[in-house]
Protein backbone atom coordinates (compact mmCIF):
# COMPACT_ATOMS: atom_id res chain seq x y z
CA MET A 1 196.89 74.35 128.18
CA LYS A 2 194.04 76.83 128.73
CA LYS A 3 196.24 79.26 130.97
CA PRO A 4 199.15 79.72 128.59
CA LEU A 5 196.58 80.31 125.52
CA LEU A 6 194.69 82.93 127.70
CA VAL A 7 197.96 84.75 128.43
CA ILE A 8 199.12 84.67 124.76
CA THR A 9 195.69 86.06 123.68
CA LEU A 10 195.71 88.83 126.27
CA SER A 11 199.16 89.80 125.19
CA VAL A 12 198.50 89.88 121.62
CA VAL A 13 195.26 91.76 122.05
CA SER A 14 197.13 94.34 124.68
CA LEU A 15 199.91 94.68 122.03
CA ALA A 16 197.36 95.61 119.30
CA ALA A 17 195.57 98.04 121.37
CA CYS A 18 198.85 99.72 122.41
CA VAL A 19 200.04 99.76 118.81
CA ALA A 20 196.72 101.19 117.65
CA ALA A 21 196.58 104.07 120.53
CA GLY A 22 200.08 104.92 119.84
CA THR A 23 199.74 105.15 116.43
CA ALA A 24 196.45 107.29 116.72
CA LEU A 25 198.30 109.47 119.29
CA TYR A 26 201.38 109.98 117.08
CA ARG A 27 199.13 111.09 114.36
CA TRP A 28 197.25 113.32 116.50
CA MET A 29 200.53 115.08 117.86
CA THR A 30 201.82 115.27 114.42
CA GLN A 31 198.98 116.22 112.33
CA GLY A 32 196.65 118.10 114.84
CA ASP A 33 193.10 117.25 115.57
CA LYS A 34 191.86 117.49 111.93
CA ILE A 35 188.21 116.92 111.30
CA ARG A 36 187.31 114.36 108.58
CA CYS A 37 184.02 113.78 107.45
CA VAL A 38 182.50 111.21 105.45
CA ALA A 39 179.03 111.34 103.48
CA HIS A 40 178.03 108.77 101.06
CA GLU A 41 175.36 106.16 100.60
CA PHE A 42 176.82 103.74 103.27
CA ALA A 43 178.17 106.02 106.19
CA PHE A 44 177.65 109.85 107.49
CA GLY A 45 179.52 111.52 110.04
CA CYS A 46 182.69 113.35 111.17
CA SER A 47 185.71 112.13 113.34
CA THR A 48 188.94 113.39 114.75
CA THR A 49 192.05 111.54 115.81
CA LEU A 50 191.49 112.25 119.43
CA GLY A 51 187.88 110.99 118.96
CA HIS A 52 189.51 107.76 117.92
CA VAL A 53 191.85 107.58 120.42
CA LEU A 54 189.37 108.11 123.18
CA SER A 55 187.18 105.51 121.62
CA TRP A 56 189.94 102.93 121.65
CA VAL A 57 190.70 103.89 125.43
CA GLY A 58 186.95 103.50 126.31
CA GLY A 59 186.92 99.96 124.44
CA LEU A 60 190.22 99.00 126.29
CA VAL A 61 188.84 100.28 129.78
CA VAL A 62 185.42 98.24 128.98
CA VAL A 63 187.42 95.03 128.16
CA VAL A 64 189.41 95.43 131.19
CA VAL A 65 186.58 95.82 133.38
CA LEU A 66 184.70 92.82 132.12
CA VAL A 67 187.73 90.48 132.34
CA LEU A 68 188.40 91.82 136.16
CA TRP A 69 184.66 91.40 136.83
CA ALA A 70 184.72 87.81 135.20
CA ARG A 71 187.99 86.86 137.20
CA PHE A 72 186.96 88.32 140.57
CA ARG A 73 182.99 87.58 140.35
CA GLY A 74 183.30 84.34 142.20
CA HIS A 75 185.70 85.25 145.05
């Protein structure tokens, strides 16, 4: 039961990451890399669509590396 649950979880997370990256990439290609800035009492900073895509890709790479490390560290 543990293995099918792991496969389902990884599949759903991978699909969600692909959808998020695809949506951000589509917006970047159609709208350009517009800079959006926020400044209020809870947040301050600027972001771009490319910045979001790179953040998601970096996060995905970290997760993949951690999963591979956890899987193969005992061998």
